[in-house]
């Protein structure tokens, strides 16, 4: 017999038990030691921005952050609440008293325009000769918004015209190799300074001759700001066609703004005199007429003064 076979028969066969070596189980947040790259598919399946439980393996506790410790301080929370209450009170105070310094409600009225109004108003400024009805429409003792009445004053066209005038002045200076930021700023500040002088002079004159009119300061700024439209046209034509184009277009716009101001201010200043029963040939009424003519005549002079040096 085979000795190996006898050994196998005589010796009881030992049963092999499975190894009890513990296999490390991967826990959430811990990578597999045999894995070369991190598996991010499980985190993506939970959705972006999933909250992780603080204090787990590999995650620092929230209290370890200095910001978290600062916010957890009751004194800091009290200071933040007090600051928020002060900010709310300040905002409420500003909202109540802002109309004392800046008439926001009135300014909204002067910017209530649309595209049709702007087109009609520009046509009225350039061709005021055919317009017949210059009365401002009222609704319950309140003038209607400019978009409903072409005769109503607005601030949109004067503001846009002033900005465009400054840009066109910079273009004109650049074509003549004379452009500089200081010179452009001087051009803008000069236009604003003359506008301020005009408004103050008219207000002083109205006070001296005791005119009771509904013509407000904002109305004056709007009416006096319409001259920038003609100034833009004159400078542009001067750049395209030289001095001849400049004088032709500017002359037309000067006559147009003169007629526009006469017919507009006449209703604001002289109509009040008629309502008060002042005779047409009275001394006070004569002063009102002279004031209206002076304001209208000053517009062409300023239009030429602020543009003649821009065309060479």
C-alpha atoms as a PDB file:
ATOM      1  CA  UNK A   1       0.000   0.000   0.000  1.00  0.00           C
ATOM      2  CA  UNK A   2       0.948   3.474  -0.443  1.00  0.00           C
ATOM      3  CA  UNK A   3       2.351   4.948   2.703  1.00  0.00           C
ATOM      4  CA  UNK A   4       0.786   8.247   1.946  1.00  0.00           C
ATOM      5  CA  UNK A   5      -2.573   6.542   1.733  1.00  0.00           C
ATOM      6  CA  UNK A   6      -2.074   4.853   5.107  1.00  0.00           C
ATOM      7  CA  UNK A   7      -1.166   8.164   6.645  1.00  0.00           C
ATOM      8  CA  UNK A   8      -4.265   9.663   5.233  1.00  0.00           C
ATOM      9  CA  UNK A   9      -6.433   6.819   6.618  1.00  0.00           C
ATOM     10  CA  UNK A  10      -4.855   6.656  10.034  1.00  0.00           C
ATOM     11  CA  UNK A  11      -4.803  10.389  10.688  1.00  0.00           C
ATOM     12  CA  UNK A  12      -8.109  12.120  11.189  1.00  0.00           C
ATOM     13  CA  UNK A  13      -8.707  14.867   8.642  1.00  0.00           C
ATOM     14  CA  UNK A  14      -8.739  18.319  10.141  1.00  0.00           C
ATOM     15  CA  UNK A  15     -11.498  20.705   9.076  1.00  0.00           C
ATOM     16  CA  UNK A  16     -10.387  24.083   7.770  1.00  0.00           C
ATOM     17  CA  UNK A  17     -12.231  27.016   9.292  1.00  0.00           C
ATOM     18  CA  UNK A  18     -12.448  30.342   7.486  1.00  0.00           C
ATOM     19  CA  UNK A  19      -9.989  32.991   8.523  1.00  0.00           C
ATOM     20  CA  UNK A  20     -11.168  35.378  11.162  1.00  0.00           C
ATOM     21  CA  UNK A  21      -8.998  38.224   9.981  1.00  0.00           C
ATOM     22  CA  UNK A  22     -11.087  41.387  10.208  1.00  0.00           C
ATOM     23  CA  UNK A  23     -11.589  43.250   6.991  1.00  0.00           C
ATOM     24  CA  UNK A  24     -11.789  47.006   7.439  1.00  0.00           C
ATOM     25  CA  UNK A  25     -15.200  48.254   6.629  1.00  0.00           C
ATOM     26  CA  UNK A  26     -15.301  51.570   4.845  1.00  0.00           C
ATOM     27  CA  UNK A  27     -17.206  54.135   6.781  1.00  0.00           C
ATOM     28  CA  UNK A  28     -18.878  57.194   5.403  1.00  0.00           C
ATOM     29  CA  UNK A  29     -16.334  59.885   4.841  1.00  0.00           C
ATOM     30  CA  UNK A  30     -13.360  57.379   4.887  1.00  0.00           C
ATOM     31  CA  UNK A  31     -11.717  56.157   1.724  1.00  0.00           C
ATOM     32  CA  UNK A  32     -11.037  52.497   0.989  1.00  0.00           C
ATOM     33  CA  UNK A  33      -7.367  51.710   1.732  1.00  0.00           C
ATOM     34  CA  UNK A  34      -7.134  49.623  -1.454  1.00  0.00           C
ATOM     35  CA  UNK A  35      -8.758  52.285  -3.624  1.00  0.00           C
ATOM     36  CA  UNK A  36      -6.477  54.551  -5.626  1.00  0.00           C
ATOM     37  CA  UNK A  37      -9.008  57.301  -6.237  1.00  0.00           C
ATOM     38  CA  UNK A  38     -11.887  58.688  -4.203  1.00  0.00           C
ATOM     39  CA  UNK A  39     -15.333  57.556  -5.236  1.00  0.00           C
ATOM     40  CA  UNK A  40     -17.522  60.660  -5.498  1.00  0.00           C
ATOM     41  CA  UNK A  41     -20.514  59.004  -7.127  1.00  0.00           C
ATOM     42  CA  UNK A  42     -22.283  58.430  -3.830  1.00  0.00           C
ATOM     43  CA  UNK A  43     -21.930  62.063  -2.779  1.00  0.00           C
ATOM     44  CA  UNK A  44     -23.216  63.230  -6.158  1.00  0.00           C
ATOM     45  CA  UNK A  45     -26.226  60.932  -5.910  1.00  0.00           C
ATOM     46  CA  UNK A  46     -27.220  62.621  -2.657  1.00  0.00           C
ATOM     47  CA  UNK A  47     -27.438  65.936  -4.485  1.00  0.00           C
ATOM     48  CA  UNK A  48     -25.398  69.075  -4.542  1.00  0.00           C
ATOM     49  CA  UNK A  49     -25.123  70.961  -1.327  1.00  0.00           C
ATOM     50  CA  UNK A  50     -26.094  68.040   0.962  1.00  0.00           C
ATOM     51  CA  UNK A  51     -25.488  68.801   4.587  1.00  0.00           C
ATOM     52  CA  UNK A  52     -22.753  66.854   6.333  1.00  0.00           C
ATOM     53  CA  UNK A  53     -23.104  65.931   9.919  1.00  0.00           C
ATOM     54  CA  UNK A  54     -20.583  67.898  11.947  1.00  0.00           C
ATOM     55  CA  UNK A  55     -18.498  66.089  14.465  1.00  0.00           C
ATOM     56  CA  UNK A  56     -18.069  62.938  12.355  1.00  0.00           C
ATOM     57  CA  UNK A  57     -14.853  61.334  11.250  1.00  0.00           C
ATOM     58  CA  UNK A  58     -12.835  63.751   9.202  1.00  0.00           C
ATOM     59  CA  UNK A  59     -15.133  66.708   9.909  1.00  0.00           C
ATOM     60  CA  UNK A  60     -14.285  69.392  12.425  1.00  0.00           C
ATOM     61  CA  UNK A  61     -16.938  70.419  14.850  1.00  0.00           C
ATOM     62  CA  UNK A  62     -18.748  73.720  14.241  1.00  0.00           C
ATOM     63  CA  UNK A  63     -17.478  75.138  17.497  1.00  0.00           C
ATOM     64  CA  UNK A  64     -13.922  74.900  16.198  1.00  0.00           C
ATOM     65  CA  UNK A  65     -14.563  77.838  13.835  1.00  0.00           C
ATOM     66  CA  UNK A  66     -13.843  81.263  15.364  1.00  0.00           C
ATOM     67  CA  UNK A  67     -16.771  82.760  13.424  1.00  0.00           C
ATOM     68  CA  UNK A  68     -19.116  80.174  14.865  1.00  0.00           C
ATOM     69  CA  UNK A  69     -17.849  80.857  18.361  1.00  0.00           C
ATOM     70  CA  UNK A  70     -18.331  84.593  17.770  1.00  0.00           C
ATOM     71  CA  UNK A  71     -21.902  84.172  16.567  1.00  0.00           C
ATOM     72  CA  UNK A  72     -22.688  81.849  19.412  1.00  0.00           C
ATOM     73  CA  UNK A  73     -21.759  84.571  21.876  1.00  0.00           C
ATOM     74  CA  UNK A  74     -24.967  86.111  23.294  1.00  0.00           C
ATOM     75  CA  UNK A  75     -23.334  89.510  23.606  1.00  0.00           C
ATOM     76  CA  UNK A  76     -22.570  89.507  19.882  1.00  0.00           C
ATOM     77  CA  UNK A  77     -26.126  88.449  19.086  1.00  0.00           C
ATOM     78  CA  UNK A  78     -27.460  91.287  21.197  1.00  0.00           C
ATOM     79  CA  UNK A  79     -25.178  93.779  19.431  1.00  0.00           C
ATOM     80  CA  UNK A  80     -26.299  92.533  16.028  1.00  0.00           C
ATOM     81  CA  UNK A  81     -29.965  92.844  16.991  1.00  0.00           C
ATOM     82  CA  UNK A  82     -29.403  96.360  18.314  1.00  0.00           C
ATOM     83  CA  UNK A  83     -27.588  97.366  15.128  1.00  0.00           C
ATOM     84  CA  UNK A  84     -30.409  95.979  12.972  1.00  0.00           C
ATOM     85  CA  UNK A  85     -32.992  97.939  14.957  1.00  0.00           C
ATOM     86  CA  UNK A  86     -30.956 101.142  14.567  1.00  0.00           C
ATOM     87  CA  UNK A  87     -30.681 100.585  10.805  1.00  0.00           C
ATOM     88  CA  UNK A  88     -34.425 100.045  10.524  1.00  0.00           C
ATOM     89  CA  UNK A  89     -35.143 103.212  12.505  1.00  0.00           C
ATOM     90  CA  UNK A  90     -32.710 105.205  10.364  1.00  0.00           C
ATOM     91  CA  UNK A  91     -34.308 103.972   7.154  1.00  0.00           C
ATOM     92  CA  UNK A  92     -37.764 104.900   8.430  1.00  0.00           C
ATOM     93  CA  UNK A  93     -36.536 108.365   9.430  1.00  0.00           C
ATOM     94  CA  UNK A  94     -34.967 108.948   6.007  1.00  0.00           C
ATOM     95  CA  UNK A  95     -38.117 107.798   4.216  1.00  0.00           C
ATOM     96  CA  UNK A  96     -40.208 110.263   6.217  1.00  0.00           C
ATOM     97  CA  UNK A  97     -37.954 113.299   5.784  1.00  0.00           C
ATOM     98  CA  UNK A  98     -36.450 112.767   2.335  1.00  0.00           C
ATOM     99  CA  UNK A  99     -39.108 114.903   0.649  1.00  0.00           C
ATOM    100  CA  UNK A 100     -37.927 117.887   2.702  1.00  0.00           C
ATOM    101  CA  UNK A 101     -34.586 117.879   0.917  1.00  0.00           C
ATOM    102  CA  UNK A 102     -35.240 116.046  -2.368  1.00  0.00           C
ATOM    103  CA  UNK A 103     -38.783 116.242  -3.798  1.00  0.00           C
ATOM    104  CA  UNK A 104     -38.818 112.656  -5.003  1.00  0.00           C
ATOM    105  CA  UNK A 105     -42.566 112.642  -5.631  1.00  0.00           C
ATOM    106  CA  UNK A 106     -42.338 115.755  -7.802  1.00  0.00           C
ATOM    107  CA  UNK A 107     -39.343 114.430  -9.699  1.00  0.00           C
ATOM    108  CA  UNK A 108     -41.282 111.290 -10.603  1.00  0.00           C
ATOM    109  CA  UNK A 109     -43.868 113.486 -12.288  1.00  0.00           C
ATOM    110  CA  UNK A 110     -41.260 115.202 -14.481  1.00  0.00           C
ATOM    111  CA  UNK A 111     -39.848 111.864 -15.656  1.00  0.00           C
ATOM    112  CA  UNK A 112     -43.242 110.303 -16.490  1.00  0.00           C
ATOM    113  CA  UNK A 113     -42.632 110.314 -20.252  1.00  0.00           C
ATOM    114  CA  UNK A 114     -42.801 107.833 -23.086  1.00  0.00           C
ATOM    115  CA  UNK A 115     -41.395 107.547 -26.594  1.00  0.00           C
ATOM    116  CA  UNK A 116     -44.339 109.292 -28.255  1.00  0.00           C
ATOM    117  CA  UNK A 117     -44.089 112.257 -25.908  1.00  0.00           C
ATOM    118  CA  UNK A 118     -40.342 112.639 -26.498  1.00  0.00           C
ATOM    119  CA  UNK A 119     -40.844 112.617 -30.262  1.00  0.00           C
ATOM    120  CA  UNK A 120     -43.641 115.192 -30.140  1.00  0.00           C
ATOM    121  CA  UNK A 121     -41.726 117.410 -27.731  1.00  0.00           C
ATOM    122  CA  UNK A 122     -38.594 117.429 -29.866  1.00  0.00           C
ATOM    123  CA  UNK A 123     -40.711 118.333 -32.870  1.00  0.00           C
ATOM    124  CA  UNK A 124     -42.323 121.137 -30.871  1.00  0.00           C
ATOM    125  CA  UNK A 125     -38.924 122.506 -29.856  1.00  0.00           C
ATOM    126  CA  UNK A 126     -37.697 122.607 -33.448  1.00  0.00           C
ATOM    127  CA  UNK A 127     -40.996 123.622 -35.123  1.00  0.00           C
ATOM    128  CA  UNK A 128     -43.072 125.599 -32.598  1.00  0.00           C
ATOM    129  CA  UNK A 129     -44.655 127.849 -35.247  1.00  0.00           C
ATOM    130  CA  UNK A 130     -47.586 125.616 -36.169  1.00  0.00           C
ATOM    131  CA  UNK A 131     -48.568 124.645 -32.634  1.00  0.00           C
ATOM    132  CA  UNK A 132     -51.776 126.349 -31.507  1.00  0.00           C
ATOM    133  CA  UNK A 133     -52.851 125.081 -28.094  1.00  0.00           C
ATOM    134  CA  UNK A 134     -50.196 125.873 -25.472  1.00  0.00           C
ATOM    135  CA  UNK A 135     -52.377 125.377 -22.404  1.00  0.00           C
ATOM    136  CA  UNK A 136     -51.287 122.751 -19.867  1.00  0.00           C
ATOM    137  CA  UNK A 137     -54.034 120.255 -19.133  1.00  0.00           C
ATOM    138  CA  UNK A 138     -55.183 119.766 -15.557  1.00  0.00           C
ATOM    139  CA  UNK A 139     -57.069 117.012 -13.801  1.00  0.00           C
ATOM    140  CA  UNK A 140     -58.610 117.992 -10.459  1.00  0.00           C
ATOM    141  CA  UNK A 141     -56.279 120.994 -10.013  1.00  0.00           C
ATOM    142  CA  UNK A 142     -53.258 118.801 -10.782  1.00  0.00           C
ATOM    143  CA  UNK A 143     -51.386 118.921 -14.099  1.00  0.00           C
ATOM    144  CA  UNK A 144     -51.492 115.667 -15.996  1.00  0.00           C
ATOM    145  CA  UNK A 145     -48.323 113.649 -16.557  1.00  0.00           C
ATOM    146  CA  UNK A 146     -46.112 114.801 -19.431  1.00  0.00           C
ATOM    147  CA  UNK A 147     -46.775 111.655 -21.446  1.00  0.00           C
ATOM    148  CA  UNK A 148     -50.422 112.763 -21.709  1.00  0.00           C
ATOM    149  CA  UNK A 149     -49.740 116.427 -22.524  1.00  0.00           C
ATOM    150  CA  UNK A 150     -47.032 117.675 -24.864  1.00  0.00           C
ATOM    151  CA  UNK A 151     -47.193 121.147 -23.262  1.00  0.00           C
ATOM    152  CA  UNK A 152     -46.231 119.867 -19.823  1.00  0.00           C
ATOM    153  CA  UNK A 153     -42.598 120.425 -18.790  1.00  0.00           C
ATOM    154  CA  UNK A 154     -40.351 117.439 -18.177  1.00  0.00           C
ATOM    155  CA  UNK A 155     -36.814 116.795 -16.987  1.00  0.00           C
ATOM    156  CA  UNK A 156     -36.060 113.756 -19.133  1.00  0.00           C
ATOM    157  CA  UNK A 157     -35.294 115.693 -22.327  1.00  0.00           C
ATOM    158  CA  UNK A 158     -33.194 118.402 -20.589  1.00  0.00           C
ATOM    159  CA  UNK A 159     -31.188 115.802 -18.656  1.00  0.00           C
ATOM    160  CA  UNK A 160     -30.519 113.634 -21.706  1.00  0.00           C
ATOM    161  CA  UNK A 161     -29.801 116.700 -23.833  1.00  0.00           C
ATOM    162  CA  UNK A 162     -27.253 118.008 -21.321  1.00  0.00           C
ATOM    163  CA  UNK A 163     -25.417 114.670 -21.214  1.00  0.00           C
ATOM    164  CA  UNK A 164     -25.477 114.449 -25.006  1.00  0.00           C
ATOM    165  CA  UNK A 165     -24.207 118.018 -25.277  1.00  0.00           C
ATOM    166  CA  UNK A 166     -21.197 117.171 -23.106  1.00  0.00           C
ATOM    167  CA  UNK A 167     -20.462 114.083 -25.222  1.00  0.00           C
ATOM    168  CA  UNK A 168     -20.777 116.032 -28.479  1.00  0.00           C
ATOM    169  CA  UNK A 169     -18.506 118.727 -27.059  1.00  0.00           C
ATOM    170  CA  UNK A 170     -15.910 116.054 -26.289  1.00  0.00           C
ATOM    171  CA  UNK A 171     -16.245 114.732 -29.838  1.00  0.00           C
ATOM    172  CA  UNK A 172     -15.784 118.209 -31.283  1.00  0.00           C
ATOM    173  CA  UNK A 173     -12.714 118.843 -29.142  1.00  0.00           C
ATOM    174  CA  UNK A 174     -11.280 115.469 -30.117  1.00  0.00           C
ATOM    175  CA  UNK A 175     -11.613 116.160 -33.835  1.00  0.00           C
ATOM    176  CA  UNK A 176      -9.621 119.343 -33.289  1.00  0.00           C
ATOM    177  CA  UNK A 177      -6.898 117.617 -31.219  1.00  0.00           C
ATOM    178  CA  UNK A 178      -7.864 119.759 -28.232  1.00  0.00           C
ATOM    179  CA  UNK A 179      -9.523 117.133 -26.075  1.00  0.00           C
ATOM    180  CA  UNK A 180      -8.573 116.805 -22.423  1.00  0.00           C
ATOM    181  CA  UNK A 181     -10.573 115.677 -19.377  1.00  0.00           C
ATOM    182  CA  UNK A 182     -10.041 119.051 -17.732  1.00  0.00           C
ATOM    183  CA  UNK A 183     -11.387 120.924 -20.742  1.00  0.00           C
ATOM    184  CA  UNK A 184     -14.404 118.642 -20.998  1.00  0.00           C
ATOM    185  CA  UNK A 185     -15.124 119.086 -17.302  1.00  0.00           C
ATOM    186  CA  UNK A 186     -14.833 122.844 -17.723  1.00  0.00           C
ATOM    187  CA  UNK A 187     -17.350 122.685 -20.554  1.00  0.00           C
ATOM    188  CA  UNK A 188     -19.864 120.753 -18.444  1.00  0.00           C
ATOM    189  CA  UNK A 189     -19.379 122.900 -15.340  1.00  0.00           C
ATOM    190  CA  UNK A 190     -19.774 126.086 -17.388  1.00  0.00           C
ATOM    191  CA  UNK A 191     -23.106 124.904 -18.773  1.00  0.00           C
ATOM    192  CA  UNK A 192     -24.332 123.998 -15.283  1.00  0.00           C
ATOM    193  CA  UNK A 193     -23.111 127.295 -13.860  1.00  0.00           C
ATOM    194  CA  UNK A 194     -24.970 129.325 -16.487  1.00  0.00           C
ATOM    195  CA  UNK A 195     -28.117 127.286 -15.884  1.00  0.00           C
ATOM    196  CA  UNK A 196     -27.875 127.968 -12.143  1.00  0.00           C
ATOM    197  CA  UNK A 197     -27.372 131.694 -12.746  1.00  0.00           C
ATOM    198  CA  UNK A 198     -30.412 131.781 -15.011  1.00  0.00           C
ATOM    199  CA  UNK A 199     -32.653 130.063 -12.472  1.00  0.00           C
ATOM    200  CA  UNK A 200     -31.532 132.314  -9.627  1.00  0.00           C
ATOM    201  CA  UNK A 201     -31.917 135.460 -11.715  1.00  0.00           C
ATOM    202  CA  UNK A 202     -35.453 134.531 -12.775  1.00  0.00           C
ATOM    203  CA  UNK A 203     -36.492 133.644  -9.236  1.00  0.00           C
ATOM    204  CA  UNK A 204     -35.115 136.953  -7.958  1.00  0.00           C
ATOM    205  CA  UNK A 205     -36.919 138.863 -10.695  1.00  0.00           C
ATOM    206  CA  UNK A 206     -40.215 137.128  -9.963  1.00  0.00           C
ATOM    207  CA  UNK A 207     -39.805 138.036  -6.314  1.00  0.00           C
ATOM    208  CA  UNK A 208     -39.003 141.681  -7.008  1.00  0.00           C
ATOM    209  CA  UNK A 209     -41.965 142.259  -9.288  1.00  0.00           C
ATOM    210  CA  UNK A 210     -44.240 140.192  -6.982  1.00  0.00           C
ATOM    211  CA  UNK A 211     -45.506 137.680  -9.496  1.00  0.00           C
ATOM    212  CA  UNK A 212     -47.878 135.079  -8.102  1.00  0.00           C
ATOM    213  CA  UNK A 213     -47.359 132.139 -10.410  1.00  0.00           C
ATOM    214  CA  UNK A 214     -47.337 128.368 -10.243  1.00  0.00           C
ATOM    215  CA  UNK A 215     -43.995 128.349 -12.054  1.00  0.00           C
ATOM    216  CA  UNK A 216     -41.762 126.284  -9.761  1.00  0.00           C
ATOM    217  CA  UNK A 217     -37.989 126.008  -9.701  1.00  0.00           C
ATOM    218  CA  UNK A 218     -38.147 122.590 -11.351  1.00  0.00           C
ATOM    219  CA  UNK A 219     -40.300 124.068 -14.118  1.00  0.00           C
ATOM    220  CA  UNK A 220     -37.652 126.705 -14.736  1.00  0.00           C
ATOM    221  CA  UNK A 221     -34.899 124.088 -14.915  1.00  0.00           C
ATOM    222  CA  UNK A 222     -36.980 122.112 -17.418  1.00  0.00           C
ATOM    223  CA  UNK A 223     -37.768 125.090 -19.672  1.00  0.00           C
ATOM    224  CA  UNK A 224     -34.214 126.441 -19.571  1.00  0.00           C
ATOM    225  CA  UNK A 225     -32.787 122.990 -20.260  1.00  0.00           C
ATOM    226  CA  UNK A 226     -34.574 122.671 -23.602  1.00  0.00           C
ATOM    227  CA  UNK A 227     -31.973 124.894 -25.255  1.00  0.00           C
ATOM    228  CA  UNK A 228     -29.445 122.038 -25.162  1.00  0.00           C
ATOM    229  CA  UNK A 229     -31.400 120.328 -27.946  1.00  0.00           C
ATOM    230  CA  UNK A 230     -30.643 123.156 -30.376  1.00  0.00           C
ATOM    231  CA  UNK A 231     -27.049 123.347 -29.196  1.00  0.00           C
ATOM    232  CA  UNK A 232     -26.531 119.672 -30.030  1.00  0.00           C
ATOM    233  CA  UNK A 233     -27.960 120.156 -33.514  1.00  0.00           C
ATOM    234  CA  UNK A 234     -25.777 123.185 -34.185  1.00  0.00           C
ATOM    235  CA  UNK A 235     -22.530 121.505 -33.079  1.00  0.00           C
ATOM    236  CA  UNK A 236     -23.259 118.314 -35.042  1.00  0.00           C
ATOM    237  CA  UNK A 237     -24.008 120.265 -38.214  1.00  0.00           C
ATOM    238  CA  UNK A 238     -20.855 122.265 -37.620  1.00  0.00           C
ATOM    239  CA  UNK A 239     -18.802 119.074 -37.458  1.00  0.00           C
ATOM    240  CA  UNK A 240     -20.376 117.764 -40.663  1.00  0.00           C
ATOM    241  CA  UNK A 241     -20.663 120.893 -42.794  1.00  0.00           C
ATOM    242  CA  UNK A 242     -18.423 123.458 -41.126  1.00  0.00           C
ATOM    243  CA  UNK A 243     -19.303 126.976 -40.090  1.00  0.00           C
ATOM    244  CA  UNK A 244     -22.120 127.358 -42.618  1.00  0.00           C
ATOM    245  CA  UNK A 245     -24.013 124.337 -41.305  1.00  0.00           C
ATOM    246  CA  UNK A 246     -23.408 125.447 -37.735  1.00  0.00           C
ATOM    247  CA  UNK A 247     -24.809 128.947 -38.205  1.00  0.00           C
ATOM    248  CA  UNK A 248     -27.800 127.799 -40.253  1.00  0.00           C
ATOM    249  CA  UNK A 249     -28.947 125.105 -37.837  1.00  0.00           C
ATOM    250  CA  UNK A 250     -28.101 127.064 -34.700  1.00  0.00           C
ATOM    251  CA  UNK A 251     -29.886 130.158 -36.045  1.00  0.00           C
ATOM    252  CA  UNK A 252     -33.023 128.138 -36.755  1.00  0.00           C
ATOM    253  CA  UNK A 253     -32.916 126.532 -33.309  1.00  0.00           C
ATOM    254  CA  UNK A 254     -32.356 129.918 -31.644  1.00  0.00           C
ATOM    255  CA  UNK A 255     -35.452 131.401 -33.272  1.00  0.00           C
ATOM    256  CA  UNK A 256     -37.438 128.259 -32.408  1.00  0.00           C
ATOM    257  CA  UNK A 257     -36.463 128.285 -28.739  1.00  0.00           C
ATOM    258  CA  UNK A 258     -37.250 132.021 -28.564  1.00  0.00           C
ATOM    259  CA  UNK A 259     -40.781 131.447 -29.873  1.00  0.00           C
ATOM    260  CA  UNK A 260     -41.212 128.401 -27.635  1.00  0.00           C
ATOM    261  CA  UNK A 261     -40.187 130.275 -24.480  1.00  0.00           C
ATOM    262  CA  UNK A 262     -42.384 133.296 -25.286  1.00  0.00           C
ATOM    263  CA  UNK A 263     -45.504 131.208 -25.825  1.00  0.00           C
ATOM    264  CA  UNK A 264     -44.827 128.979 -22.818  1.00  0.00           C
ATOM    265  CA  UNK A 265     -43.826 131.568 -20.227  1.00  0.00           C
ATOM    266  CA  UNK A 266     -46.544 133.944 -21.356  1.00  0.00           C
ATOM    267  CA  UNK A 267     -49.141 131.531 -20.009  1.00  0.00           C
ATOM    268  CA  UNK A 268     -47.197 131.068 -16.781  1.00  0.00           C
ATOM    269  CA  UNK A 269     -46.481 134.737 -16.013  1.00  0.00           C
ATOM    270  CA  UNK A 270     -48.893 136.947 -17.934  1.00  0.00           C
ATOM    271  CA  UNK A 271     -51.917 134.717 -17.451  1.00  0.00           C
ATOM    272  CA  UNK A 272     -51.649 135.207 -13.686  1.00  0.00           C
ATOM    273  CA  UNK A 273     -51.735 138.956 -14.210  1.00  0.00           C
ATOM    274  CA  UNK A 274     -54.919 138.673 -16.265  1.00  0.00           C
ATOM    275  CA  UNK A 275     -56.464 136.468 -13.583  1.00  0.00           C
ATOM    276  CA  UNK A 276     -55.613 139.099 -10.944  1.00  0.00           C
ATOM    277  CA  UNK A 277     -57.358 141.815 -12.991  1.00  0.00           C
ATOM    278  CA  UNK A 278     -54.203 143.803 -13.724  1.00  0.00           C
ATOM    279  CA  UNK A 279     -54.629 146.033 -16.805  1.00  0.00           C
ATOM    280  CA  UNK A 280     -52.738 144.933 -19.873  1.00  0.00           C
ATOM    281  CA  UNK A 281     -50.953 148.283 -20.153  1.00  0.00           C
ATOM    282  CA  UNK A 282     -50.286 148.573 -16.447  1.00  0.00           C
ATOM    283  CA  UNK A 283     -46.796 149.120 -15.078  1.00  0.00           C
ATOM    284  CA  UNK A 284     -46.600 145.751 -13.318  1.00  0.00           C
ATOM    285  CA  UNK A 285     -47.835 143.950 -16.401  1.00  0.00           C
ATOM    286  CA  UNK A 286     -45.205 145.712 -18.465  1.00  0.00           C
ATOM    287  CA  UNK A 287     -42.544 144.384 -16.111  1.00  0.00           C
ATOM    288  CA  UNK A 288     -43.906 140.864 -16.542  1.00  0.00           C
ATOM    289  CA  UNK A 289     -43.738 141.206 -20.315  1.00  0.00           C
ATOM    290  CA  UNK A 290     -40.168 142.500 -20.131  1.00  0.00           C
ATOM    291  CA  UNK A 291     -39.181 139.589 -17.907  1.00  0.00           C
ATOM    292  CA  UNK A 292     -40.704 137.083 -20.331  1.00  0.00           C
ATOM    293  CA  UNK A 293     -38.906 138.672 -23.277  1.00  0.00           C
ATOM    294  CA  UNK A 294     -35.609 138.788 -21.376  1.00  0.00           C
ATOM    295  CA  UNK A 295     -35.749 135.091 -20.451  1.00  0.00           C
ATOM    296  CA  UNK A 296     -36.589 134.124 -24.036  1.00  0.00           C
ATOM    297  CA  UNK A 297     -33.858 136.368 -25.492  1.00  0.00           C
ATOM    298  CA  UNK A 298     -31.217 134.964 -23.151  1.00  0.00           C
ATOM    299  CA  UNK A 299     -31.591 131.462 -24.567  1.00  0.00           C
ATOM    300  CA  UNK A 300     -30.132 132.164 -28.064  1.00  0.00           C
ATOM    301  CA  UNK A 301     -27.272 134.144 -26.539  1.00  0.00           C
ATOM    302  CA  UNK A 302     -26.294 131.281 -24.243  1.00  0.00           C
ATOM    303  CA  UNK A 303     -26.692 128.751 -27.035  1.00  0.00           C
ATOM    304  CA  UNK A 304     -24.135 130.640 -29.098  1.00  0.00           C
ATOM    305  CA  UNK A 305     -21.818 131.357 -26.156  1.00  0.00           C
ATOM    306  CA  UNK A 306     -21.583 127.685 -25.144  1.00  0.00           C
ATOM    307  CA  UNK A 307     -21.023 126.313 -28.670  1.00  0.00           C
ATOM    308  CA  UNK A 308     -19.172 128.797 -30.893  1.00  0.00           C
ATOM    309  CA  UNK A 309     -15.719 127.664 -29.699  1.00  0.00           C
ATOM    310  CA  UNK A 310     -16.509 124.008 -30.476  1.00  0.00           C
ATOM    311  CA  UNK A 311     -16.638 124.575 -34.238  1.00  0.00           C
ATOM    312  CA  UNK A 312     -13.524 125.638 -36.105  1.00  0.00           C
END
